[in-house]
Amino acid sequence: MSKRHNDHQKIGDVLASFVENSKLEKGLDMVRVEKAWQELMGNGVQNYTNSLKLHKGTLYVSLSSSVLRQELSYGKEKIIALINEELGKTVVSKLILR
């Protein structure tokens, strides 16, 4: 039987520790990036977004419209900054539109 800890901890601290120890951070970051993309880009861009993939700090976005892809390519740095600001930490360092 495991010992009971008598020290009090905030639930947020316990959950953060659990996520870190369970190596769930990458999966949670991906979910957060997808949500941020939907909120920041809006329905217009979301309708043409086929898939999002986050791998080692690079966000790969597959778009069905070449015109939209070209238009978004002009603002890559701003999109990266907006997503990272929304998440409150640097998760995306590079954006590849395909």
PDB file of N, CA and C in Angstrom:
ATOM      1  N   MET A   1       0.850  -1.169   0.000  1.00  0.00           N
ATOM      2  CA  MET A   1       0.000   0.000   0.000  1.00  0.00           C
ATOM      3  C   MET A   1       0.900   1.237   0.000  1.00  0.00           C
ATOM      4  N   SER A   2       0.542   2.229  -0.811  1.00  0.00           N
ATOM      5  CA  SER A   2       1.371   3.429  -0.912  1.00  0.00           C
ATOM      6  C   SER A   2       1.131   4.355   0.272  1.00  0.00           C
ATOM      7  N   LYS A   3       2.149   5.124   0.574  1.00  0.00           N
ATOM      8  CA  LYS A   3       2.040   6.061   1.683  1.00  0.00           C
ATOM      9  C   LYS A   3       1.226   7.264   1.271  1.00  0.00           C
ATOM     10  N   ARG A   4       0.591   7.836   2.219  1.00  0.00           N
ATOM     11  CA  ARG A   4      -0.196   9.034   1.993  1.00  0.00           C
ATOM     12  C   ARG A   4       0.672  10.253   2.300  1.00  0.00           C
ATOM     13  N   HIS A   5       0.635  11.213   1.372  1.00  0.00           N
ATOM     14  CA  HIS A   5       1.399  12.437   1.571  1.00  0.00           C
ATOM     15  C   HIS A   5       0.529  13.447   2.299  1.00  0.00           C
ATOM     16  N   ASN A   6       1.058  14.030   3.340  1.00  0.00           N
ATOM     17  CA  ASN A   6       0.301  14.997   4.128  1.00  0.00           C
ATOM     18  C   ASN A   6       0.535  16.436   3.689  1.00  0.00           C
ATOM     19  N   ASP A   7       1.495  16.652   2.815  1.00  0.00           N
ATOM     20  CA  ASP A   7       1.728  18.026   2.365  1.00  0.00           C
ATOM     21  C   ASP A   7       0.655  18.426   1.353  1.00  0.00           C
ATOM     22  N   HIS A   8       0.242  19.673   1.426  1.00  0.00           N
ATOM     23  CA  HIS A   8      -0.818  20.174   0.570  1.00  0.00           C
ATOM     24  C   HIS A   8      -0.220  20.816  -0.666  1.00  0.00           C
ATOM     25  N   GLN A   9      -0.816  20.519  -1.825  1.00  0.00           N
ATOM     26  CA  GLN A   9      -0.359  21.083  -3.086  1.00  0.00           C
ATOM     27  C   GLN A   9      -1.566  21.559  -3.878  1.00  0.00           C
ATOM     28  N   LYS A  10      -1.346  22.569  -4.675  1.00  0.00           N
ATOM     29  CA  LYS A  10      -2.422  23.043  -5.540  1.00  0.00           C
ATOM     30  C   LYS A  10      -2.659  22.027  -6.637  1.00  0.00           C
ATOM     31  N   ILE A  11      -3.926  21.880  -7.038  1.00  0.00           N
ATOM     32  CA  ILE A  11      -4.282  20.892  -8.058  1.00  0.00           C
ATOM     33  C   ILE A  11      -3.598  21.221  -9.382  1.00  0.00           C
ATOM     34  N   GLY A  12      -3.438  22.516  -9.690  1.00  0.00           N
ATOM     35  CA  GLY A  12      -2.761  22.917 -10.921  1.00  0.00           C
ATOM     36  C   GLY A  12      -1.309  22.463 -10.946  1.00  0.00           C
ATOM     37  N   ASP A  13      -0.643  22.557  -9.797  1.00  0.00           N
ATOM     38  CA  ASP A  13       0.745  22.115  -9.699  1.00  0.00           C
ATOM     39  C   ASP A  13       0.857  20.600  -9.858  1.00  0.00           C
ATOM     40  N   VAL A  14      -0.086  19.896  -9.267  1.00  0.00           N
ATOM     41  CA  VAL A  14      -0.091  18.432  -9.359  1.00  0.00           C
ATOM     42  C   VAL A  14      -0.326  17.997 -10.803  1.00  0.00           C
ATOM     43  N   LEU A  15      -1.289  18.640 -11.482  1.00  0.00           N
ATOM     44  CA  LEU A  15      -1.570  18.291 -12.876  1.00  0.00           C
ATOM     45  C   LEU A  15      -0.395  18.629 -13.787  1.00  0.00           C
ATOM     46  N   ALA A  16       0.242  19.768 -13.560  1.00  0.00           N
ATOM     47  CA  ALA A  16       1.401  20.146 -14.366  1.00  0.00           C
ATOM     48  C   ALA A  16       2.528  19.138 -14.191  1.00  0.00           C
ATOM     49  N   SER A  17       2.737  18.695 -12.972  1.00  0.00           N
ATOM     50  CA  SER A  17       3.756  17.692 -12.694  1.00  0.00           C
ATOM     51  C   SER A  17       3.415  16.364 -13.375  1.00  0.00           C
ATOM     52  N   PHE A  18       2.132  15.999 -13.328  1.00  0.00           N
ATOM     53  CA  PHE A  18       1.689  14.759 -13.963  1.00  0.00           C
ATOM     54  C   PHE A  18       1.914  14.815 -15.472  1.00  0.00           C
ATOM     55  N   VAL A  19       1.552  15.926 -16.092  1.00  0.00           N
ATOM     56  CA  VAL A  19       1.724  16.083 -17.542  1.00  0.00           C
ATOM     57  C   VAL A  19       3.199  15.988 -17.906  1.00  0.00           C
ATOM     58  N   GLU A  20       4.041  16.632 -17.127  1.00  0.00           N
ATOM     59  CA  GLU A  20       5.476  16.617 -17.397  1.00  0.00           C
ATOM     60  C   GLU A  20       6.052  15.208 -17.226  1.00  0.00           C
ATOM     61  N   ASN A  21       5.666  14.535 -16.159  1.00  0.00           N
ATOM     62  CA  ASN A  21       6.194  13.193 -15.898  1.00  0.00           C
ATOM     63  C   ASN A  21       5.661  12.156 -16.870  1.00  0.00           C
ATOM     64  N   SER A  22       4.471  12.375 -17.397  1.00  0.00           N
ATOM     65  CA  SER A  22       3.856  11.417 -18.317  1.00  0.00           C
ATOM     66  C   SER A  22       4.210  11.694 -19.772  1.00  0.00           C
ATOM     67  N   LYS A  23       4.964  12.753 -20.023  1.00  0.00           N
ATOM     68  CA  LYS A  23       5.369  13.139 -21.367  1.00  0.00           C
ATOM     69  C   LYS A  23       4.162  13.404 -22.272  1.00  0.00           C
ATOM     70  N   LEU A  24       3.177  14.082 -21.727  1.00  0.00           N
ATOM     71  CA  LEU A  24       1.974  14.428 -22.475  1.00  0.00           C
ATOM     72  C   LEU A  24       2.038  15.837 -23.074  1.00  0.00           C
ATOM     73  N   GLU A  25       3.096  16.552 -22.787  1.00  0.00           N
ATOM     74  CA  GLU A  25       3.193  17.964 -23.181  1.00  0.00           C
ATOM     75  C   GLU A  25       3.098  18.153 -24.696  1.00  0.00           C
ATOM     76  N   LYS A  26       3.752  17.290 -25.473  1.00  0.00           N
ATOM     77  CA  LYS A  26       3.725  17.439 -26.933  1.00  0.00           C
ATOM     78  C   LYS A  26       2.307  17.290 -27.479  1.00  0.00           C
ATOM     79  N   GLY A  27       1.590  16.318 -26.993  1.00  0.00           N
ATOM     80  CA  GLY A  27       0.215  16.110 -27.446  1.00  0.00           C
ATOM     81  C   GLY A  27      -0.691  17.266 -27.055  1.00  0.00           C
ATOM     82  N   LEU A  28      -0.525  17.766 -25.848  1.00  0.00           N
ATOM     83  CA  LEU A  28      -1.325  18.904 -25.405  1.00  0.00           C
ATOM     84  C   LEU A  28      -0.979  20.161 -26.194  1.00  0.00           C
ATOM     85  N   ASP A  29       0.298  20.337 -26.525  1.00  0.00           N
ATOM     86  CA  ASP A  29       0.702  21.484 -27.343  1.00  0.00           C
ATOM     87  C   ASP A  29       0.040  21.426 -28.712  1.00  0.00           C
ATOM     88  N   MET A  30      -0.034  20.239 -29.302  1.00  0.00           N
ATOM     89  CA  MET A  30      -0.665  20.104 -30.609  1.00  0.00           C
ATOM     90  C   MET A  30      -2.136  20.486 -30.550  1.00  0.00           C
ATOM     91  N   VAL A  31      -2.826  20.032 -29.522  1.00  0.00           N
ATOM     92  CA  VAL A  31      -4.241  20.369 -29.359  1.00  0.00           C
ATOM     93  C   VAL A  31      -4.403  21.878 -29.175  1.00  0.00           C
ATOM     94  N   ARG A  32      -3.519  22.473 -28.397  1.00  0.00           N
ATOM     95  CA  ARG A  32      -3.588  23.925 -28.167  1.00  0.00           C
ATOM     96  C   ARG A  32      -3.299  24.713 -29.445  1.00  0.00           C
ATOM     97  N   VAL A  33      -2.354  24.222 -30.242  1.00  0.00           N
ATOM     98  CA  VAL A  33      -2.035  24.892 -31.504  1.00  0.00           C
ATOM     99  C   VAL A  33      -3.219  24.808 -32.465  1.00  0.00           C
ATOM    100  N   GLU A  34      -3.858  23.662 -32.548  1.00  0.00           N
ATOM    101  CA  GLU A  34      -5.035  23.515 -33.418  1.00  0.00           C
ATOM    102  C   GLU A  34      -6.149  24.472 -32.998  1.00  0.00           C
ATOM    103  N   LYS A  35      -6.381  24.576 -31.713  1.00  0.00           N
ATOM    104  CA  LYS A  35      -7.411  25.472 -31.216  1.00  0.00           C
ATOM    105  C   LYS A  35      -7.052  26.930 -31.507  1.00  0.00           C
ATOM    106  N   ALA A  36      -5.778  27.291 -31.290  1.00  0.00           N
ATOM    107  CA  ALA A  36      -5.328  28.657 -31.562  1.00  0.00           C
ATOM    108  C   ALA A  36      -5.456  28.980 -33.053  1.00  0.00           C
ATOM    109  N   TRP A  37      -5.126  28.019 -33.920  1.00  0.00           N
ATOM    110  CA  TRP A  37      -5.244  28.226 -35.369  1.00  0.00           C
ATOM    111  C   TRP A  37      -6.697  28.527 -35.742  1.00  0.00           C
ATOM    112  N   GLN A  38      -7.620  27.737 -35.195  1.00  0.00           N
ATOM    113  CA  GLN A  38      -9.044  27.953 -35.484  1.00  0.00           C
ATOM    114  C   GLN A  38      -9.507  29.317 -35.017  1.00  0.00           C
ATOM    115  N   GLU A  39      -9.116  29.707 -33.812  1.00  0.00           N
ATOM    116  CA  GLU A  39      -9.568  30.977 -33.250  1.00  0.00           C
ATOM    117  C   GLU A  39      -8.931  32.174 -33.948  1.00  0.00           C
ATOM    118  N   LEU A  40      -7.644  32.086 -34.250  1.00  0.00           N
ATOM    119  CA  LEU A  40      -6.936  33.222 -34.829  1.00  0.00           C
ATOM    120  C   LEU A  40      -7.206  33.397 -36.321  1.00  0.00           C
ATOM    121  N   MET A  41      -7.331  32.312 -37.045  1.00  0.00           N
ATOM    122  CA  MET A  41      -7.493  32.391 -38.500  1.00  0.00           C
ATOM    123  C   MET A  41      -8.951  32.550 -38.928  1.00  0.00           C
ATOM    124  N   GLY A  42      -9.867  32.123 -38.095  1.00  0.00           N
ATOM    125  CA  GLY A  42     -11.284  32.285 -38.410  1.00  0.00           C
ATOM    126  C   GLY A  42     -11.818  31.203 -39.346  1.00  0.00           C
ATOM    127  N   ASN A  43     -13.112  31.284 -39.616  1.00  0.00           N
ATOM    128  CA  ASN A  43     -13.785  30.262 -40.422  1.00  0.00           C
ATOM    129  C   ASN A  43     -13.327  30.248 -41.872  1.00  0.00           C
ATOM    130  N   GLY A  44     -13.014  31.420 -42.414  1.00  0.00           N
ATOM    131  CA  GLY A  44     -12.586  31.485 -43.809  1.00  0.00           C
ATOM    132  C   GLY A  44     -11.365  30.630 -44.080  1.00  0.00           C
ATOM    133  N   VAL A  45     -10.343  30.776 -43.267  1.00  0.00           N
ATOM    134  CA  VAL A  45      -9.115  29.997 -43.432  1.00  0.00           C
ATOM    135  C   VAL A  45      -9.348  28.557 -42.986  1.00  0.00           C
ATOM    136  N   GLN A  46     -10.114  28.371 -41.947  1.00  0.00           N
ATOM    137  CA  GLN A  46     -10.369  27.028 -41.417  1.00  0.00           C
ATOM    138  C   GLN A  46     -11.039  26.131 -42.462  1.00  0.00           C
ATOM    139  N   ASN A  47     -11.905  26.717 -43.286  1.00  0.00           N
ATOM    140  CA  ASN A  47     -12.592  25.935 -44.321  1.00  0.00           C
ATOM    141  C   ASN A  47     -11.616  25.372 -45.351  1.00  0.00           C
ATOM    142  N   TYR A  48     -10.489  26.035 -45.561  1.00  0.00           N
ATOM    143  CA  TYR A  48      -9.498  25.576 -46.534  1.00  0.00           C
ATOM    144  C   TYR A  48      -8.331  24.826 -45.896  1.00  0.00           C
ATOM    145  N   THR A  49      -8.359  24.661 -44.583  1.00  0.00           N
ATOM    146  CA  THR A  49      -7.295  23.938 -43.880  1.00  0.00           C
ATOM    147  C   THR A  49      -7.622  22.451 -43.849  1.00  0.00           C
ATOM    148  N   ASN A  50      -6.736  21.659 -44.454  1.00  0.00           N
ATOM    149  CA  ASN A  50      -6.934  20.203 -44.476  1.00  0.00           C
ATOM    150  C   ASN A  50      -6.367  19.541 -43.229  1.00  0.00           C
ATOM    151  N   SER A  51      -5.165  19.944 -42.825  1.00  0.00           N
ATOM    152  CA  SER A  51      -4.554  19.320 -41.652  1.00  0.00           C
ATOM    153  C   SER A  51      -3.486  20.228 -41.056  1.00  0.00           C
ATOM    154  N   LEU A  52      -3.238  20.010 -39.780  1.00  0.00           N
ATOM    155  CA  LEU A  52      -2.179  20.691 -39.039  1.00  0.00           C
ATOM    156  C   LEU A  52      -1.325  19.624 -38.376  1.00  0.00           C
ATOM    157  N   LYS A  53      -0.008  19.821 -38.400  1.00  0.00           N
ATOM    158  CA  LYS A  53       0.890  18.891 -37.734  1.00  0.00           C
ATOM    159  C   LYS A  53       2.014  19.697 -37.097  1.00  0.00           C
ATOM    160  N   LEU A  54       2.286  19.425 -35.854  1.00  0.00           N
ATOM    161  CA  LEU A  54       3.371  20.080 -35.131  1.00  0.00           C
ATOM    162  C   LEU A  54       4.462  19.055 -34.878  1.00  0.00           C
ATOM    163  N   HIS A  55       5.670  19.357 -35.380  1.00  0.00           N
ATOM    164  CA  HIS A  55       6.785  18.424 -35.215  1.00  0.00           C
ATOM    165  C   HIS A  55       8.056  19.213 -34.945  1.00  0.00           C
ATOM    166  N   LYS A  56       8.608  19.062 -33.759  1.00  0.00           N
ATOM    167  CA  LYS A  56       9.866  19.709 -33.347  1.00  0.00           C
ATOM    168  C   LYS A  56       9.846  21.215 -33.590  1.00  0.00           C
ATOM    169  N   GLY A  57       8.761  21.859 -33.203  1.00  0.00           N
ATOM    170  CA  GLY A  57       8.677  23.308 -33.296  1.00  0.00           C
ATOM    171  C   GLY A  57       8.245  23.841 -34.651  1.00  0.00           C
ATOM    172  N   THR A  58       8.048  22.953 -35.610  1.00  0.00           N
ATOM    173  CA  THR A  58       7.614  23.362 -36.941  1.00  0.00           C
ATOM    174  C   THR A  58       6.153  22.990 -37.121  1.00  0.00           C
ATOM    175  N   LEU A  59       5.345  23.965 -37.508  1.00  0.00           N
ATOM    176  CA  LEU A  59       3.925  23.739 -37.759  1.00  0.00           C
ATOM    177  C   LEU A  59       3.724  23.574 -39.256  1.00  0.00           C
ATOM    178  N   TYR A  60       3.253  22.389 -39.655  1.00  0.00           N
ATOM    179  CA  TYR A  60       2.961  22.099 -41.050  1.00  0.00           C
ATOM    180  C   TYR A  60       1.455  22.263 -41.248  1.00  0.00           C
ATOM    181  N   VAL A  61       1.081  23.150 -42.176  1.00  0.00           N
ATOM    182  CA  VAL A  61      -0.323  23.421 -42.442  1.00  0.00           C
ATOM    183  C   VAL A  61      -0.607  23.056 -43.885  1.00  0.00           C
ATOM    184  N   SER A  62      -1.531  22.133 -44.079  1.00  0.00           N
ATOM    185  CA  SER A  62      -1.940  21.725 -45.411  1.00  0.00           C
ATOM    186  C   SER A  62      -3.214  22.477 -45.780  1.00  0.00           C
ATOM    187  N   LEU A  63      -3.129  23.226 -46.878  1.00  0.00           N
ATOM    188  CA  LEU A  63      -4.256  24.049 -47.323  1.00  0.00           C
ATOM    189  C   LEU A  63      -4.730  23.570 -48.694  1.00  0.00           C
ATOM    190  N   SER A  64      -6.030  23.668 -48.949  1.00  0.00           N
ATOM    191  CA  SER A  64      -6.588  23.241 -50.219  1.00  0.00           C
ATOM    192  C   SER A  64      -6.631  24.359 -51.251  1.00  0.00           C
ATOM    193  N   SER A  65      -6.281  25.570 -50.859  1.00  0.00           N
ATOM    194  CA  SER A  65      -6.311  26.719 -51.765  1.00  0.00           C
ATOM    195  C   SER A  65      -4.901  27.279 -51.949  1.00  0.00           C
ATOM    196  N   SER A  66      -4.423  27.248 -53.195  1.00  0.00           N
ATOM    197  CA  SER A  66      -3.089  27.778 -53.469  1.00  0.00           C
ATOM    198  C   SER A  66      -3.057  29.298 -53.316  1.00  0.00           C
ATOM    199  N   VAL A  67      -4.165  29.953 -53.600  1.00  0.00           N
ATOM    200  CA  VAL A  67      -4.240  31.401 -53.446  1.00  0.00           C
ATOM    201  C   VAL A  67      -4.113  31.778 -51.973  1.00  0.00           C
ATOM    202  N   LEU A  68      -4.839  31.081 -51.118  1.00  0.00           N
ATOM    203  CA  LEU A  68      -4.764  31.338 -49.677  1.00  0.00           C
ATOM    204  C   LEU A  68      -3.373  31.019 -49.148  1.00  0.00           C
ATOM    205  N   ARG A  69      -2.773  29.939 -49.633  1.00  0.00           N
ATOM    206  CA  ARG A  69      -1.418  29.559 -49.214  1.00  0.00           C
ATOM    207  C   ARG A  69      -0.442  30.689 -49.526  1.00  0.00           C
ATOM    208  N   GLN A  70      -0.545  31.245 -50.724  1.00  0.00           N
ATOM    209  CA  GLN A  70       0.334  32.346 -51.120  1.00  0.00           C
ATOM    210  C   GLN A  70       0.090  33.581 -50.252  1.00  0.00           C
ATOM    211  N   GLU A  71      -1.171  33.879 -49.992  1.00  0.00           N
ATOM    212  CA  GLU A  71      -1.531  35.045 -49.180  1.00  0.00           C
ATOM    213  C   GLU A  71      -1.000  34.907 -47.750  1.00  0.00           C
ATOM    214  N   LEU A  72      -1.147  33.728 -47.158  1.00  0.00           N
ATOM    215  CA  LEU A  72      -0.680  33.496 -45.793  1.00  0.00           C
ATOM    216  C   LEU A  72       0.850  33.474 -45.703  1.00  0.00           C
ATOM    217  N   SER A  73       1.504  33.111 -46.799  1.00  0.00           N
ATOM    218  CA  SER A  73       2.969  33.030 -46.769  1.00  0.00           C
ATOM    219  C   SER A  73       3.607  34.400 -46.525  1.00  0.00           C
ATOM    220  N   TYR A  74       2.896  35.480 -46.876  1.00  0.00           N
ATOM    221  CA  TYR A  74       3.434  36.818 -46.635  1.00  0.00           C
ATOM    222  C   TYR A  74       3.450  37.172 -45.147  1.00  0.00           C
ATOM    223  N   GLY A  75       2.610  36.527 -44.351  1.00  0.00           N
ATOM    224  CA  GLY A  75       2.520  36.861 -42.933  1.00  0.00           C
ATOM    225  C   GLY A  75       2.933  35.742 -42.005  1.00  0.00           C
ATOM    226  N   LYS A  76       3.861  34.895 -42.440  1.00  0.00           N
ATOM    227  CA  LYS A  76       4.274  33.744 -41.622  1.00  0.00           C
ATOM    228  C   LYS A  76       4.762  34.155 -40.234  1.00  0.00           C
ATOM    229  N   GLU A  77       5.633  35.142 -40.176  1.00  0.00           N
ATOM    230  CA  GLU A  77       6.207  35.560 -38.894  1.00  0.00           C
ATOM    231  C   GLU A  77       5.121  36.080 -37.948  1.00  0.00           C
ATOM    232  N   LYS A  78       4.166  36.804 -38.499  1.00  0.00           N
ATOM    233  CA  LYS A  78       3.080  37.334 -37.671  1.00  0.00           C
ATOM    234  C   LYS A  78       2.187  36.197 -37.162  1.00  0.00           C
ATOM    235  N   ILE A  79       1.925  35.212 -38.007  1.00  0.00           N
ATOM    236  CA  ILE A  79       1.103  34.060 -37.603  1.00  0.00           C
ATOM    237  C   ILE A  79       1.797  33.295 -36.481  1.00  0.00           C
ATOM    238  N   ILE A  80       3.103  33.082 -36.618  1.00  0.00           N
ATOM    239  CA  ILE A  80       3.872  32.382 -35.581  1.00  0.00           C
ATOM    240  C   ILE A  80       3.796  33.156 -34.269  1.00  0.00           C
ATOM    241  N   ALA A  81       3.981  34.465 -34.347  1.00  0.00           N
ATOM    242  CA  ALA A  81       3.936  35.296 -33.138  1.00  0.00           C
ATOM    243  C   ALA A  81       2.557  35.253 -32.487  1.00  0.00           C
ATOM    244  N   LEU A  82       1.497  35.308 -33.295  1.00  0.00           N
ATOM    245  CA  LEU A  82       0.137  35.266 -32.755  1.00  0.00           C
ATOM    246  C   LEU A  82      -0.162  33.938 -32.065  1.00  0.00           C
ATOM    247  N   ILE A  83       0.256  32.839 -32.679  1.00  0.00           N
ATOM    248  CA  ILE A  83       0.008  31.517 -32.087  1.00  0.00           C
ATOM    249  C   ILE A  83       0.766  31.383 -30.773  1.00  0.00           C
ATOM    250  N   ASN A  84       2.036  31.759 -30.766  1.00  0.00           N
ATOM    251  CA  ASN A  84       2.831  31.657 -29.538  1.00  0.00           C
ATOM    252  C   ASN A  84       2.285  32.567 -28.444  1.00  0.00           C
ATOM    253  N   GLU A  85       1.809  33.746 -28.828  1.00  0.00           N
ATOM    254  CA  GLU A  85       1.219  34.655 -27.847  1.00  0.00           C
ATOM    255  C   GLU A  85      -0.062  34.060 -27.263  1.00  0.00           C
ATOM    256  N   GLU A  86      -0.856  33.440 -28.109  1.00  0.00           N
ATOM    257  CA  GLU A  86      -2.105  32.812 -27.663  1.00  0.00           C
ATOM    258  C   GLU A  86      -1.819  31.679 -26.670  1.00  0.00           C
ATOM    259  N   LEU A  87      -0.736  30.935 -26.919  1.00  0.00           N
ATOM    260  CA  LEU A  87      -0.385  29.804 -26.056  1.00  0.00           C
ATOM    261  C   LEU A  87       0.378  30.240 -24.809  1.00  0.00           C
ATOM    262  N   GLY A  88       0.956  31.418 -24.843  1.00  0.00           N
ATOM    263  CA  GLY A  88       1.689  31.913 -23.684  1.00  0.00           C
ATOM    264  C   GLY A  88       3.100  31.367 -23.560  1.00  0.00           C
ATOM    265  N   LYS A  89       3.568  30.701 -24.591  1.00  0.00           N
ATOM    266  CA  LYS A  89       4.937  30.183 -24.613  1.00  0.00           C
ATOM    267  C   LYS A  89       5.322  29.923 -26.062  1.00  0.00           C
ATOM    268  N   THR A  90       6.606  29.764 -26.299  1.00  0.00           N
ATOM    269  CA  THR A  90       7.073  29.513 -27.665  1.00  0.00           C
ATOM    270  C   THR A  90       6.961  28.033 -27.984  1.00  0.00           C
ATOM    271  N   VAL A  91       6.000  27.712 -28.828  1.00  0.00           N
ATOM    272  CA  VAL A  91       5.786  26.339 -29.258  1.00  0.00           C
ATOM    273  C   VAL A  91       6.142  26.211 -30.734  1.00  0.00           C
ATOM    274  N   VAL A  92       5.758  27.206 -31.529  1.00  0.00           N
ATOM    275  CA  VAL A  92       5.985  27.190 -32.966  1.00  0.00           C
ATOM    276  C   VAL A  92       7.153  28.124 -33.287  1.00  0.00           C
ATOM    277  N   SER A  93       8.176  27.583 -33.953  1.00  0.00           N
ATOM    278  CA  SER A  93       9.309  28.415 -34.359  1.00  0.00           C
ATOM    279  C   SER A  93       9.372  28.569 -35.874  1.00  0.00           C
ATOM    280  N   LYS A  94       8.681  27.695 -36.596  1.00  0.00           N
ATOM    281  CA  LYS A  94       8.693  27.742 -38.051  1.00  0.00           C
ATOM    282  C   LYS A  94       7.333  27.301 -38.572  1.00  0.00           C
ATOM    283  N   LEU A  95       6.894  27.916 -39.686  1.00  0.00           N
ATOM    284  CA  LEU A  95       5.596  27.603 -40.282  1.00  0.00           C
ATOM    285  C   LEU A  95       5.812  27.202 -41.735  1.00  0.00           C
ATOM    286  N   ILE A  96       5.320  26.031 -42.094  1.00  0.00           N
ATOM    287  CA  ILE A  96       5.419  25.559 -43.474  1.00  0.00           C
ATOM    288  C   ILE A  96       3.995  25.367 -43.986  1.00  0.00           C
ATOM    289  N   LEU A  97       3.693  26.078 -45.065  1.00  0.00           N
ATOM    290  CA  LEU A  97       2.374  25.975 -45.690  1.00  0.00           C
ATOM    291  C   LEU A  97       2.501  25.100 -46.910  1.00  0.00           C
ATOM    292  N   ARG A  98       1.628  24.086 -46.997  1.00  0.00           N
ATOM    293  CA  ARG A  98       1.678  23.198 -48.155  1.00  0.00           C
ATOM    294  C   ARG A  98       0.300  22.986 -48.715  1.00  0.00           C
TER     295      ARG A  98
END
